[in-house]
Structure formats: structure tokens, C-alpha cells
Amino acid sequence: MQIKTQLAVQIMRVMRERRLTQVQAAKITGLKQPDISGIVNTRLDGISVERLFLVLNRLGRNIEIRVSTEEREDARTLVLA
């Protein structure tokens, strides 16, 4: 799963936990409702990873980025909740 999709899933999770409508989430995050709809429907072409980080921050979630010093042949990118 791509990083943007994983971040969108986390945004949807927060919205579900807080029982937020798209309009309420838009007000909290400063986005327009159609942008929130795009995130919820994983239409993410015009949305950057940084913007998704900002949405999560505005929804009260911290973002941590960690780069491991361990070298691995099967290195990967993970979004953990």
C-alpha cells in the first residue's frame, strides 16, 4: 500500500473514532469538504504527503519519521498507528 493511501486510512480512522463528518473534518483541518472527500475516497493524486501530515496534525495526531540504521535487503516504508 502506498504511503499516501496509508496516511488516508489513518485520517479516516481518526474521523471514525471522533465521529466526524466530512464538513466537521474540513473545518478542523482547514481543508475544503471536497478535499476531505477525496481523502476519504482515496483520490489522492492532487494531495501531497506533507498535506496529509498536516491534516493528521490538525486532527491531533503526532507524526514521527524514523530512519533505521540497520541495513536490510527487504527494507520498506511503514505507517504505524
C-alpha atoms as a PDB file:
ATOM      1  CA  MET A   1       0.000   0.000   0.000  1.00  0.00           C
ATOM      2  CA  GLN A   2       1.387   3.422  -0.922  1.00  0.00           C
ATOM      3  CA  ILE A   3       2.280   5.888   1.821  1.00  0.00           C
ATOM      4  CA  LYS A   4      -0.452   8.357   0.840  1.00  0.00           C
ATOM      5  CA  THR A   5      -3.070   5.633   0.997  1.00  0.00           C
ATOM      6  CA  GLN A   6      -1.792   4.531   4.396  1.00  0.00           C
ATOM      7  CA  LEU A   7      -1.994   8.106   5.672  1.00  0.00           C
ATOM      8  CA  ALA A   8      -5.522   8.476   4.262  1.00  0.00           C
ATOM      9  CA  VAL A   9      -6.528   5.322   6.140  1.00  0.00           C
ATOM     10  CA  GLN A  10      -5.218   6.897   9.354  1.00  0.00           C
ATOM     11  CA  ILE A  11      -7.203  10.077   8.667  1.00  0.00           C
ATOM     12  CA  MET A  12     -10.342   8.002   8.093  1.00  0.00           C
ATOM     13  CA  ARG A  13      -9.650   6.138  11.339  1.00  0.00           C
ATOM     14  CA  VAL A  14      -9.464   9.410  13.300  1.00  0.00           C
ATOM     15  CA  MET A  15     -12.654  10.660  11.666  1.00  0.00           C
ATOM     16  CA  ARG A  16     -14.431   7.416  12.545  1.00  0.00           C
ATOM     17  CA  GLU A  17     -13.136   7.427  16.147  1.00  0.00           C
ATOM     18  CA  ARG A  18     -14.238  11.029  16.640  1.00  0.00           C
ATOM     19  CA  ARG A  19     -17.436  10.533  14.621  1.00  0.00           C
ATOM     20  CA  LEU A  20     -16.567  13.481  12.398  1.00  0.00           C
ATOM     21  CA  THR A  21     -18.457  14.268   9.244  1.00  0.00           C
ATOM     22  CA  GLN A  22     -16.510  15.451   6.223  1.00  0.00           C
ATOM     23  CA  VAL A  23     -17.741  19.000   6.872  1.00  0.00           C
ATOM     24  CA  GLN A  24     -16.572  18.870  10.502  1.00  0.00           C
ATOM     25  CA  ALA A  25     -13.191  17.429   9.486  1.00  0.00           C
ATOM     26  CA  ALA A  26     -12.824  20.177   6.877  1.00  0.00           C
ATOM     27  CA  LYS A  27     -13.433  22.873   9.500  1.00  0.00           C
ATOM     28  CA  ILE A  28     -10.906  21.338  11.892  1.00  0.00           C
ATOM     29  CA  THR A  29      -8.218  20.842   9.264  1.00  0.00           C
ATOM     30  CA  GLY A  30      -8.738  23.989   7.206  1.00  0.00           C
ATOM     31  CA  LEU A  31      -9.387  21.991   4.053  1.00  0.00           C
ATOM     32  CA  LYS A  32     -12.481  22.194   1.904  1.00  0.00           C
ATOM     33  CA  GLN A  33     -15.051  19.415   2.165  1.00  0.00           C
ATOM     34  CA  PRO A  34     -14.312  18.167  -1.387  1.00  0.00           C
ATOM     35  CA  ASP A  35     -10.658  17.725  -0.370  1.00  0.00           C
ATOM     36  CA  ILE A  36     -11.718  15.646   2.644  1.00  0.00           C
ATOM     37  CA  SER A  37     -13.996  13.649   0.335  1.00  0.00           C
ATOM     38  CA  GLY A  38     -11.023  12.962  -1.928  1.00  0.00           C
ATOM     39  CA  ILE A  39      -9.014  11.697   1.028  1.00  0.00           C
ATOM     40  CA  VAL A  40     -11.860   9.503   2.270  1.00  0.00           C
ATOM     41  CA  ASN A  41     -12.309   8.061  -1.214  1.00  0.00           C
ATOM     42  CA  THR A  42      -8.519   7.704  -1.661  1.00  0.00           C
ATOM     43  CA  ARG A  43      -8.426  10.061  -4.641  1.00  0.00           C
ATOM     44  CA  LEU A  44      -5.016  11.367  -3.662  1.00  0.00           C
ATOM     45  CA  ASP A  45      -3.376  12.489  -6.908  1.00  0.00           C
ATOM     46  CA  GLY A  46      -3.510  16.197  -6.063  1.00  0.00           C
ATOM     47  CA  ILE A  47      -2.644  15.790  -2.378  1.00  0.00           C
ATOM     48  CA  SER A  48       0.930  15.674  -1.126  1.00  0.00           C
ATOM     49  CA  VAL A  49       2.259  13.524   1.698  1.00  0.00           C
ATOM     50  CA  GLU A  50       3.087  16.750   3.547  1.00  0.00           C
ATOM     51  CA  ARG A  51      -0.526  17.901   3.287  1.00  0.00           C
ATOM     52  CA  LEU A  52      -1.729  14.572   4.676  1.00  0.00           C
ATOM     53  CA  PHE A  53       0.749  15.014   7.552  1.00  0.00           C
ATOM     54  CA  LEU A  54      -0.769  18.448   8.208  1.00  0.00           C
ATOM     55  CA  VAL A  55      -4.293  17.012   8.232  1.00  0.00           C
ATOM     56  CA  LEU A  56      -3.273  14.376  10.773  1.00  0.00           C
ATOM     57  CA  ASN A  57      -1.581  17.038  12.912  1.00  0.00           C
ATOM     58  CA  ARG A  58      -4.677  19.222  12.834  1.00  0.00           C
ATOM     59  CA  LEU A  59      -6.724  16.191  13.847  1.00  0.00           C
ATOM     60  CA  GLY A  60      -4.482  15.903  16.901  1.00  0.00           C
ATOM     61  CA  ARG A  61      -2.122  13.170  15.747  1.00  0.00           C
ATOM     62  CA  ASN A  62       1.657  13.331  16.002  1.00  0.00           C
ATOM     63  CA  ILE A  63       3.767  12.238  13.055  1.00  0.00           C
ATOM     64  CA  GLU A  64       7.068  10.510  13.701  1.00  0.00           C
ATOM     65  CA  ILE A  65       9.524   9.664  10.932  1.00  0.00           C
ATOM     66  CA  ARG A  66      12.302   7.271  11.833  1.00  0.00           C
ATOM     67  CA  VAL A  67      15.096   6.035   9.627  1.00  0.00           C
ATOM     68  CA  SER A  68      16.670   2.811  10.843  1.00  0.00           C
ATOM     69  CA  THR A  69      20.413   2.413  10.703  1.00  0.00           C
ATOM     70  CA  GLU A  70      20.026  -1.314  10.150  1.00  0.00           C
ATOM     71  CA  GLU A  71      20.695  -2.287   6.542  1.00  0.00           C
ATOM     72  CA  ARG A  72      18.246  -4.792   5.104  1.00  0.00           C
ATOM     73  CA  GLU A  73      17.671  -6.247   1.670  1.00  0.00           C
ATOM     74  CA  ASP A  74      13.912  -6.137   2.301  1.00  0.00           C
ATOM     75  CA  ALA A  75      13.849  -2.503   3.519  1.00  0.00           C
ATOM     76  CA  ARG A  76      10.389  -0.934   3.445  1.00  0.00           C
ATOM     77  CA  THR A  77       8.312   2.083   4.442  1.00  0.00           C
ATOM     78  CA  LEU A  78       5.674   1.598   7.121  1.00  0.00           C
ATOM     79  CA  VAL A  79       2.915   3.757   8.570  1.00  0.00           C
ATOM     80  CA  LEU A  80       2.162   2.573  12.082  1.00  0.00           C
ATOM     81  CA  ALA A  81      -0.770   3.617  14.218  1.00  0.00           C
END
